[in-house]
Amino acid sequence: MDIQRCRGRVLIGKPGLDGHDRGTKIIARSLRDDGFEVIYTGIRRAPEEIALTAIQEDVDVVGLSVLSGAHNELFPEVLNALHQAKGVTYP
């Protein structure tokens, strides 16, 4: 019996109103096929939602995908939410 080891836990999030998720699903499947445990939040999630899920799932990595161009606003919001939830101040 060939038992595959988990290489880590990855959360894939789609913050904002962007509904394009084909590429995100391809990345999630590729990571899963390579031995990672993947948690996909689905589309149109708030930054706070993604941060809370990442903490609850105790992931090693958070991957974010935005096709709409709102990454300059949304990605820092996810980072801030993660830091606030963990009690870390963010400069």
PDB file of N, CA and C in Angstrom:
ATOM      1  N   MET A   1       0.843  -1.169   0.000  1.00  0.00           N
ATOM      2  CA  MET A   1       0.000   0.000   0.000  1.00  0.00           C
ATOM      3  C   MET A   1       0.893   1.239   0.000  1.00  0.00           C
ATOM      4  N   ASP A   2       0.640   2.147  -0.921  1.00  0.00           N
ATOM      5  CA  ASP A   2       1.417   3.376  -1.034  1.00  0.00           C
ATOM      6  C   ASP A   2       0.689   4.496  -0.299  1.00  0.00           C
ATOM      7  N   ILE A   3       1.247   4.922   0.827  1.00  0.00           N
ATOM      8  CA  ILE A   3       0.642   5.989   1.604  1.00  0.00           C
ATOM      9  C   ILE A   3       1.382   7.278   1.294  1.00  0.00           C
ATOM     10  N   GLN A   4       0.634   8.263   0.771  1.00  0.00           N
ATOM     11  CA  GLN A   4       1.233   9.540   0.427  1.00  0.00           C
ATOM     12  C   GLN A   4       1.245  10.447   1.651  1.00  0.00           C
ATOM     13  N   ARG A   5       2.378  11.070   1.909  1.00  0.00           N
ATOM     14  CA  ARG A   5       2.514  11.986   3.038  1.00  0.00           C
ATOM     15  C   ARG A   5       1.971  13.357   2.691  1.00  0.00           C
ATOM     16  N   CYS A   6       1.347  13.993   3.661  1.00  0.00           N
ATOM     17  CA  CYS A   6       0.873  15.352   3.489  1.00  0.00           C
ATOM     18  C   CYS A   6       2.065  16.297   3.549  1.00  0.00           C
ATOM     19  N   ARG A   7       2.206  17.136   2.544  1.00  0.00           N
ATOM     20  CA  ARG A   7       3.340  18.058   2.471  1.00  0.00           C
ATOM     21  C   ARG A   7       3.049  19.376   3.169  1.00  0.00           C
ATOM     22  N   GLY A   8       1.821  19.574   3.607  1.00  0.00           N
ATOM     23  CA  GLY A   8       1.449  20.814   4.275  1.00  0.00           C
ATOM     24  C   GLY A   8      -0.007  21.149   4.006  1.00  0.00           C
ATOM     25  N   ARG A   9      -0.497  22.142   4.736  1.00  0.00           N
ATOM     26  CA  ARG A   9      -1.889  22.579   4.579  1.00  0.00           C
ATOM     27  C   ARG A   9      -1.898  23.956   3.930  1.00  0.00           C
ATOM     28  N   VAL A  10      -2.654  24.083   2.850  1.00  0.00           N
ATOM     29  CA  VAL A  10      -2.706  25.314   2.079  1.00  0.00           C
ATOM     30  C   VAL A  10      -4.152  25.789   2.003  1.00  0.00           C
ATOM     31  N   LEU A  11      -4.352  27.069   2.267  1.00  0.00           N
ATOM     32  CA  LEU A  11      -5.672  27.667   2.084  1.00  0.00           C
ATOM     33  C   LEU A  11      -5.624  28.524   0.826  1.00  0.00           C
ATOM     34  N   ILE A  12      -6.570  28.314  -0.060  1.00  0.00           N
ATOM     35  CA  ILE A  12      -6.695  29.123  -1.266  1.00  0.00           C
ATOM     36  C   ILE A  12      -7.942  29.973  -1.114  1.00  0.00           C
ATOM     37  N   GLY A  13      -7.771  31.292  -1.199  1.00  0.00           N
ATOM     38  CA  GLY A  13      -8.888  32.210  -1.004  1.00  0.00           C
ATOM     39  C   GLY A  13      -9.107  33.121  -2.193  1.00  0.00           C
ATOM     40  N   LYS A  14     -10.362  33.497  -2.395  1.00  0.00           N
ATOM     41  CA  LYS A  14     -10.765  34.429  -3.452  1.00  0.00           C
ATOM     42  C   LYS A  14     -11.448  35.628  -2.795  1.00  0.00           C
ATOM     43  N   PRO A  15     -10.668  36.634  -2.368  1.00  0.00           N
ATOM     44  CA  PRO A  15     -11.277  37.796  -1.721  1.00  0.00           C
ATOM     45  C   PRO A  15     -11.962  38.714  -2.725  1.00  0.00           C
ATOM     46  N   GLY A  16     -12.912  39.485  -2.230  1.00  0.00           N
ATOM     47  CA  GLY A  16     -13.576  40.477  -3.067  1.00  0.00           C
ATOM     48  C   GLY A  16     -14.703  39.896  -3.891  1.00  0.00           C
ATOM     49  N   LEU A  17     -15.079  40.633  -4.914  1.00  0.00           N
ATOM     50  CA  LEU A  17     -16.246  40.267  -5.716  1.00  0.00           C
ATOM     51  C   LEU A  17     -15.902  39.505  -6.985  1.00  0.00           C
ATOM     52  N   ASP A  18     -14.637  39.206  -7.179  1.00  0.00           N
ATOM     53  CA  ASP A  18     -14.182  38.485  -8.367  1.00  0.00           C
ATOM     54  C   ASP A  18     -14.777  37.074  -8.390  1.00  0.00           C
ATOM     55  N   GLY A  19     -15.420  36.721  -9.483  1.00  0.00           N
ATOM     56  CA  GLY A  19     -16.042  35.405  -9.590  1.00  0.00           C
ATOM     57  C   GLY A  19     -15.290  34.435 -10.473  1.00  0.00           C
ATOM     58  N   HIS A  20     -14.138  34.840 -10.998  1.00  0.00           N
ATOM     59  CA  HIS A  20     -13.366  33.976 -11.884  1.00  0.00           C
ATOM     60  C   HIS A  20     -12.501  33.044 -11.046  1.00  0.00           C
ATOM     61  N   ASP A  21     -12.798  31.757 -11.100  1.00  0.00           N
ATOM     62  CA  ASP A  21     -12.062  30.837 -10.226  1.00  0.00           C
ATOM     63  C   ASP A  21     -11.484  29.617 -10.927  1.00  0.00           C
ATOM     64  N   ARG A  22     -11.493  29.594 -12.234  1.00  0.00           N
ATOM     65  CA  ARG A  22     -10.965  28.425 -12.947  1.00  0.00           C
ATOM     66  C   ARG A  22      -9.489  28.203 -12.623  1.00  0.00           C
ATOM     67  N   GLY A  23      -8.677  29.262 -12.698  1.00  0.00           N
ATOM     68  CA  GLY A  23      -7.250  29.142 -12.402  1.00  0.00           C
ATOM     69  C   GLY A  23      -7.003  28.726 -10.962  1.00  0.00           C
ATOM     70  N   THR A  24      -7.815  29.262 -10.061  1.00  0.00           N
ATOM     71  CA  THR A  24      -7.689  28.915  -8.643  1.00  0.00           C
ATOM     72  C   THR A  24      -7.945  27.431  -8.428  1.00  0.00           C
ATOM     73  N   LYS A  25      -8.945  26.916  -9.094  1.00  0.00           N
ATOM     74  CA  LYS A  25      -9.267  25.490  -8.958  1.00  0.00           C
ATOM     75  C   LYS A  25      -8.170  24.611  -9.565  1.00  0.00           C
ATOM     76  N   ILE A  26      -7.547  25.074 -10.627  1.00  0.00           N
ATOM     77  CA  ILE A  26      -6.446  24.317 -11.233  1.00  0.00           C
ATOM     78  C   ILE A  26      -5.258  24.261 -10.269  1.00  0.00           C
ATOM     79  N   ILE A  27      -4.923  25.403  -9.659  1.00  0.00           N
ATOM     80  CA  ILE A  27      -3.823  25.442  -8.684  1.00  0.00           C
ATOM     81  C   ILE A  27      -4.146  24.542  -7.488  1.00  0.00           C
ATOM     82  N   ALA A  28      -5.384  24.639  -6.986  1.00  0.00           N
ATOM     83  CA  ALA A  28      -5.784  23.810  -5.833  1.00  0.00           C
ATOM     84  C   ALA A  28      -5.660  22.329  -6.165  1.00  0.00           C
ATOM     85  N   ARG A  29      -6.099  21.940  -7.333  1.00  0.00           N
ATOM     86  CA  ARG A  29      -6.014  20.532  -7.728  1.00  0.00           C
ATOM     87  C   ARG A  29      -4.565  20.097  -7.895  1.00  0.00           C
ATOM     88  N   SER A  30      -3.741  20.938  -8.484  1.00  0.00           N
ATOM     89  CA  SER A  30      -2.321  20.605  -8.658  1.00  0.00           C
ATOM     90  C   SER A  30      -1.619  20.432  -7.314  1.00  0.00           C
ATOM     91  N   LEU A  31      -1.905  21.330  -6.381  1.00  0.00           N
ATOM     92  CA  LEU A  31      -1.324  21.205  -5.039  1.00  0.00           C
ATOM     93  C   LEU A  31      -1.795  19.922  -4.359  1.00  0.00           C
ATOM     94  N   ARG A  32      -3.070  19.641  -4.468  1.00  0.00           N
ATOM     95  CA  ARG A  32      -3.614  18.418  -3.871  1.00  0.00           C
ATOM     96  C   ARG A  32      -2.958  17.183  -4.475  1.00  0.00           C
ATOM     97  N   ASP A  33      -2.820  17.182  -5.804  1.00  0.00           N
ATOM     98  CA  ASP A  33      -2.205  16.040  -6.477  1.00  0.00           C
ATOM     99  C   ASP A  33      -0.737  15.862  -6.108  1.00  0.00           C
ATOM    100  N   ASP A  34      -0.103  16.948  -5.643  1.00  0.00           N
ATOM    101  CA  ASP A  34       1.299  16.888  -5.246  1.00  0.00           C
ATOM    102  C   ASP A  34       1.475  16.591  -3.755  1.00  0.00           C
ATOM    103  N   GLY A  35       0.369  16.300  -3.071  1.00  0.00           N
ATOM    104  CA  GLY A  35       0.478  15.859  -1.683  1.00  0.00           C
ATOM    105  C   GLY A  35       0.095  16.874  -0.631  1.00  0.00           C
ATOM    106  N   PHE A  36      -0.357  18.054  -1.034  1.00  0.00           N
ATOM    107  CA  PHE A  36      -0.774  19.063  -0.065  1.00  0.00           C
ATOM    108  C   PHE A  36      -2.244  18.866   0.293  1.00  0.00           C
ATOM    109  N   GLU A  37      -2.590  19.237   1.508  1.00  0.00           N
ATOM    110  CA  GLU A  37      -3.992  19.292   1.895  1.00  0.00           C
ATOM    111  C   GLU A  37      -4.460  20.704   1.563  1.00  0.00           C
ATOM    112  N   VAL A  38      -5.506  20.824   0.757  1.00  0.00           N
ATOM    113  CA  VAL A  38      -5.950  22.128   0.263  1.00  0.00           C
ATOM    114  C   VAL A  38      -7.339  22.444   0.798  1.00  0.00           C
ATOM    115  N   ILE A  39      -7.476  23.651   1.324  1.00  0.00           N
ATOM    116  CA  ILE A  39      -8.763  24.169   1.766  1.00  0.00           C
ATOM    117  C   ILE A  39      -9.086  25.322   0.833  1.00  0.00           C
ATOM    118  N   TYR A  40     -10.184  25.231   0.105  1.00  0.00           N
ATOM    119  CA  TYR A  40     -10.601  26.278  -0.831  1.00  0.00           C
ATOM    120  C   TYR A  40     -11.818  26.980  -0.251  1.00  0.00           C
ATOM    121  N   THR A  41     -11.725  28.298  -0.070  1.00  0.00           N
ATOM    122  CA  THR A  41     -12.808  29.048   0.572  1.00  0.00           C
ATOM    123  C   THR A  41     -13.978  29.328  -0.348  1.00  0.00           C
ATOM    124  N   GLY A  42     -13.768  29.209  -1.635  1.00  0.00           N
ATOM    125  CA  GLY A  42     -14.811  29.581  -2.581  1.00  0.00           C
ATOM    126  C   GLY A  42     -14.658  31.038  -2.985  1.00  0.00           C
ATOM    127  N   ILE A  43     -15.538  31.495  -3.850  1.00  0.00           N
ATOM    128  CA  ILE A  43     -15.436  32.857  -4.377  1.00  0.00           C
ATOM    129  C   ILE A  43     -16.164  33.862  -3.492  1.00  0.00           C
ATOM    130  N   ARG A  44     -15.798  35.106  -3.715  1.00  0.00           N
ATOM    131  CA  ARG A  44     -16.451  36.269  -3.076  1.00  0.00           C
ATOM    132  C   ARG A  44     -16.424  36.211  -1.547  1.00  0.00           C
ATOM    133  N   ARG A  45     -15.251  36.053  -0.995  1.00  0.00           N
ATOM    134  CA  ARG A  45     -15.082  36.002   0.460  1.00  0.00           C
ATOM    135  C   ARG A  45     -14.477  37.308   0.973  1.00  0.00           C
ATOM    136  N   ALA A  46     -14.899  37.712   2.146  1.00  0.00           N
ATOM    137  CA  ALA A  46     -14.343  38.893   2.797  1.00  0.00           C
ATOM    138  C   ALA A  46     -12.946  38.562   3.317  1.00  0.00           C
ATOM    139  N   PRO A  47     -12.052  39.545   3.335  1.00  0.00           N
ATOM    140  CA  PRO A  47     -10.707  39.302   3.863  1.00  0.00           C
ATOM    141  C   PRO A  47     -10.726  38.719   5.283  1.00  0.00           C
ATOM    142  N   GLU A  48     -11.634  39.206   6.126  1.00  0.00           N
ATOM    143  CA  GLU A  48     -11.745  38.698   7.501  1.00  0.00           C
ATOM    144  C   GLU A  48     -12.172  37.232   7.518  1.00  0.00           C
ATOM    145  N   GLU A  49     -13.024  36.862   6.584  1.00  0.00           N
ATOM    146  CA  GLU A  49     -13.474  35.471   6.466  1.00  0.00           C
ATOM    147  C   GLU A  49     -12.305  34.552   6.116  1.00  0.00           C
ATOM    148  N   ILE A  50     -11.494  34.984   5.169  1.00  0.00           N
ATOM    149  CA  ILE A  50     -10.338  34.192   4.744  1.00  0.00           C
ATOM    150  C   ILE A  50      -9.348  34.046   5.895  1.00  0.00           C
ATOM    151  N   ALA A  51      -9.093  35.142   6.609  1.00  0.00           N
ATOM    152  CA  ALA A  51      -8.161  35.091   7.742  1.00  0.00           C
ATOM    153  C   ALA A  51      -8.672  34.158   8.831  1.00  0.00           C
ATOM    154  N   LEU A  52      -9.941  34.246   9.153  1.00  0.00           N
ATOM    155  CA  LEU A  52     -10.525  33.393  10.192  1.00  0.00           C
ATOM    156  C   LEU A  52     -10.440  31.920   9.797  1.00  0.00           C
ATOM    157  N   THR A  53     -10.742  31.620   8.550  1.00  0.00           N
ATOM    158  CA  THR A  53     -10.654  30.235   8.076  1.00  0.00           C
ATOM    159  C   THR A  53      -9.218  29.729   8.143  1.00  0.00           C
ATOM    160  N   ALA A  54      -8.262  30.569   7.764  1.00  0.00           N
ATOM    161  CA  ALA A  54      -6.848  30.177   7.803  1.00  0.00           C
ATOM    162  C   ALA A  54      -6.422  29.821   9.224  1.00  0.00           C
ATOM    163  N   ILE A  55      -6.884  30.609  10.180  1.00  0.00           N
ATOM    164  CA  ILE A  55      -6.519  30.345  11.573  1.00  0.00           C
ATOM    165  C   ILE A  55      -7.226  29.105  12.094  1.00  0.00           C
ATOM    166  N   GLN A  56      -8.507  28.982  11.792  1.00  0.00           N
ATOM    167  CA  GLN A  56      -9.274  27.816  12.250  1.00  0.00           C
ATOM    168  C   GLN A  56      -8.732  26.518  11.673  1.00  0.00           C
ATOM    169  N   GLU A  57      -8.293  26.562  10.424  1.00  0.00           N
ATOM    170  CA  GLU A  57      -7.790  25.358   9.750  1.00  0.00           C
ATOM    171  C   GLU A  57      -6.307  25.111  10.021  1.00  0.00           C
ATOM    172  N   ASP A  58      -5.650  26.055  10.711  1.00  0.00           N
ATOM    173  CA  ASP A  58      -4.237  25.927  11.067  1.00  0.00           C
ATOM    174  C   ASP A  58      -3.376  25.615   9.836  1.00  0.00           C
ATOM    175  N   VAL A  59      -3.509  26.451   8.814  1.00  0.00           N
ATOM    176  CA  VAL A  59      -2.794  26.219   7.568  1.00  0.00           C
ATOM    177  C   VAL A  59      -1.353  26.713   7.654  1.00  0.00           C
ATOM    178  N   ASP A  60      -0.533  26.185   6.777  1.00  0.00           N
ATOM    179  CA  ASP A  60       0.872  26.590   6.681  1.00  0.00           C
ATOM    180  C   ASP A  60       1.043  27.759   5.712  1.00  0.00           C
ATOM    181  N   VAL A  61       0.178  27.812   4.710  1.00  0.00           N
ATOM    182  CA  VAL A  61       0.302  28.802   3.639  1.00  0.00           C
ATOM    183  C   VAL A  61      -1.090  29.304   3.261  1.00  0.00           C
ATOM    184  N   VAL A  62      -1.165  30.611   2.964  1.00  0.00           N
ATOM    185  CA  VAL A  62      -2.389  31.199   2.429  1.00  0.00           C
ATOM    186  C   VAL A  62      -2.090  31.696   1.022  1.00  0.00           C
ATOM    187  N   GLY A  63      -2.831  31.192   0.048  1.00  0.00           N
ATOM    188  CA  GLY A  63      -2.717  31.652  -1.328  1.00  0.00           C
ATOM    189  C   GLY A  63      -3.958  32.448  -1.686  1.00  0.00           C
ATOM    190  N   LEU A  64      -3.765  33.591  -2.317  1.00  0.00           N
ATOM    191  CA  LEU A  64      -4.888  34.449  -2.693  1.00  0.00           C
ATOM    192  C   LEU A  64      -4.887  34.659  -4.198  1.00  0.00           C
ATOM    193  N   SER A  65      -6.085  34.744  -4.762  1.00  0.00           N
ATOM    194  CA  SER A  65      -6.224  34.943  -6.191  1.00  0.00           C
ATOM    195  C   SER A  65      -7.285  35.995  -6.458  1.00  0.00           C
ATOM    196  N   VAL A  66      -6.908  36.991  -7.270  1.00  0.00           N
ATOM    197  CA  VAL A  66      -7.847  38.030  -7.685  1.00  0.00           C
ATOM    198  C   VAL A  66      -7.565  38.354  -9.141  1.00  0.00           C
ATOM    199  N   LEU A  67      -8.571  38.250  -9.971  1.00  0.00           N
ATOM    200  CA  LEU A  67      -8.420  38.585 -11.374  1.00  0.00           C
ATOM    201  C   LEU A  67      -8.860  40.016 -11.655  1.00  0.00           C
ATOM    202  N   SER A  68      -9.650  40.598 -10.767  1.00  0.00           N
ATOM    203  CA  SER A  68     -10.263  41.907 -11.004  1.00  0.00           C
ATOM    204  C   SER A  68      -9.304  43.080 -10.881  1.00  0.00           C
ATOM    205  N   GLY A  69      -8.109  42.880 -10.329  1.00  0.00           N
ATOM    206  CA  GLY A  69      -7.164  43.970 -10.152  1.00  0.00           C
ATOM    207  C   GLY A  69      -7.270  44.654  -8.800  1.00  0.00           C
ATOM    208  N   ALA A  70      -8.075  44.131  -7.912  1.00  0.00           N
ATOM    209  CA  ALA A  70      -8.258  44.734  -6.592  1.00  0.00           C
ATOM    210  C   ALA A  70      -7.263  44.216  -5.562  1.00  0.00           C
ATOM    211  N   HIS A  71      -6.222  43.545  -6.021  1.00  0.00           N
ATOM    212  CA  HIS A  71      -5.258  42.932  -5.097  1.00  0.00           C
ATOM    213  C   HIS A  71      -4.539  43.961  -4.229  1.00  0.00           C
ATOM    214  N   ASN A  72      -4.310  45.162  -4.743  1.00  0.00           N
ATOM    215  CA  ASN A  72      -3.617  46.180  -3.945  1.00  0.00           C
ATOM    216  C   ASN A  72      -4.400  46.570  -2.698  1.00  0.00           C
ATOM    217  N   GLU A  73      -5.702  46.461  -2.740  1.00  0.00           N
ATOM    218  CA  GLU A  73      -6.534  46.768  -1.584  1.00  0.00           C
ATOM    219  C   GLU A  73      -6.844  45.526  -0.751  1.00  0.00           C
ATOM    220  N   LEU A  74      -7.131  44.417  -1.429  1.00  0.00           N
ATOM    221  CA  LEU A  74      -7.620  43.224  -0.727  1.00  0.00           C
ATOM    222  C   LEU A  74      -6.523  42.431  -0.015  1.00  0.00           C
ATOM    223  N   PHE A  75      -5.371  42.286  -0.621  1.00  0.00           N
ATOM    224  CA  PHE A  75      -4.319  41.472  -0.004  1.00  0.00           C
ATOM    225  C   PHE A  75      -3.844  42.064   1.326  1.00  0.00           C
ATOM    226  N   PRO A  76      -3.594  43.394   1.399  1.00  0.00           N
ATOM    227  CA  PRO A  76      -3.236  43.959   2.704  1.00  0.00           C
ATOM    228  C   PRO A  76      -4.347  43.798   3.741  1.00  0.00           C
ATOM    229  N   GLU A  77      -5.602  43.822   3.306  1.00  0.00           N
ATOM    230  CA  GLU A  77      -6.708  43.616   4.248  1.00  0.00           C
ATOM    231  C   GLU A  77      -6.678  42.205   4.831  1.00  0.00           C
ATOM    232  N   VAL A  78      -6.346  41.218   4.008  1.00  0.00           N
ATOM    233  CA  VAL A  78      -6.233  39.840   4.509  1.00  0.00           C
ATOM    234  C   VAL A  78      -5.074  39.764   5.507  1.00  0.00           C
ATOM    235  N   LEU A  79      -3.938  40.355   5.172  1.00  0.00           N
ATOM    236  CA  LEU A  79      -2.788  40.356   6.089  1.00  0.00           C
ATOM    237  C   LEU A  79      -3.131  41.036   7.409  1.00  0.00           C
ATOM    238  N   ASN A  80      -3.786  42.183   7.339  1.00  0.00           N
ATOM    239  CA  ASN A  80      -4.182  42.886   8.561  1.00  0.00           C
ATOM    240  C   ASN A  80      -5.119  42.029   9.404  1.00  0.00           C
ATOM    241  N   ALA A  81      -6.087  41.377   8.761  1.00  0.00           N
ATOM    242  CA  ALA A  81      -7.033  40.525   9.489  1.00  0.00           C
ATOM    243  C   ALA A  81      -6.307  39.350  10.153  1.00  0.00           C
ATOM    244  N   LEU A  82      -5.320  38.776   9.468  1.00  0.00           N
ATOM    245  CA  LEU A  82      -4.539  37.678  10.053  1.00  0.00           C
ATOM    246  C   LEU A  82      -3.754  38.173  11.262  1.00  0.00           C
ATOM    247  N   HIS A  83      -3.105  39.314  11.128  1.00  0.00           N
ATOM    248  CA  HIS A  83      -2.320  39.859  12.234  1.00  0.00           C
ATOM    249  C   HIS A  83      -3.212  40.225  13.417  1.00  0.00           C
ATOM    250  N   GLN A  84      -4.351  40.839  13.163  1.00  0.00           N
ATOM    251  CA  GLN A  84      -5.255  41.206  14.244  1.00  0.00           C
ATOM    252  C   GLN A  84      -5.790  39.979  14.975  1.00  0.00           C
ATOM    253  N   ALA A  85      -6.131  38.955  14.219  1.00  0.00           N
ATOM    254  CA  ALA A  85      -6.661  37.728  14.829  1.00  0.00           C
ATOM    255  C   ALA A  85      -5.608  37.035  15.693  1.00  0.00           C
ATOM    256  N   LYS A  86      -4.338  37.193  15.323  1.00  0.00           N
ATOM    257  CA  LYS A  86      -3.265  36.573  16.097  1.00  0.00           C
ATOM    258  C   LYS A  86      -2.693  37.512  17.148  1.00  0.00           C
ATOM    259  N   GLY A  87      -3.214  38.750  17.202  1.00  0.00           N
ATOM    260  CA  GLY A  87      -2.735  39.701  18.198  1.00  0.00           C
ATOM    261  C   GLY A  87      -1.398  40.315  17.875  1.00  0.00           C
ATOM    262  N   VAL A  88      -1.057  40.379  16.590  1.00  0.00           N
ATOM    263  CA  VAL A  88       0.213  40.944  16.155  1.00  0.00           C
ATOM    264  C   VAL A  88      -0.054  42.307  15.526  1.00  0.00           C
ATOM    265  N   THR A  89       0.740  43.295  15.896  1.00  0.00           N
ATOM    266  CA  THR A  89       0.575  44.605  15.270  1.00  0.00           C
ATOM    267  C   THR A  89       1.273  44.628  13.921  1.00  0.00           C
ATOM    268  N   TYR A  90       0.651  45.266  12.977  1.00  0.00           N
ATOM    269  CA  TYR A  90       1.142  45.319  11.617  1.00  0.00           C
ATOM    270  C   TYR A  90       1.497  46.763  11.293  1.00  0.00           C
ATOM    271  N   PRO A  91       2.745  47.043  10.890  1.00  0.00           N
ATOM    272  CA  PRO A  91       3.167  48.437  10.661  1.00  0.00           C
ATOM    273  C   PRO A  91       2.428  49.105   9.521  1.00  0.00           C
TER     274      PRO A  91
END
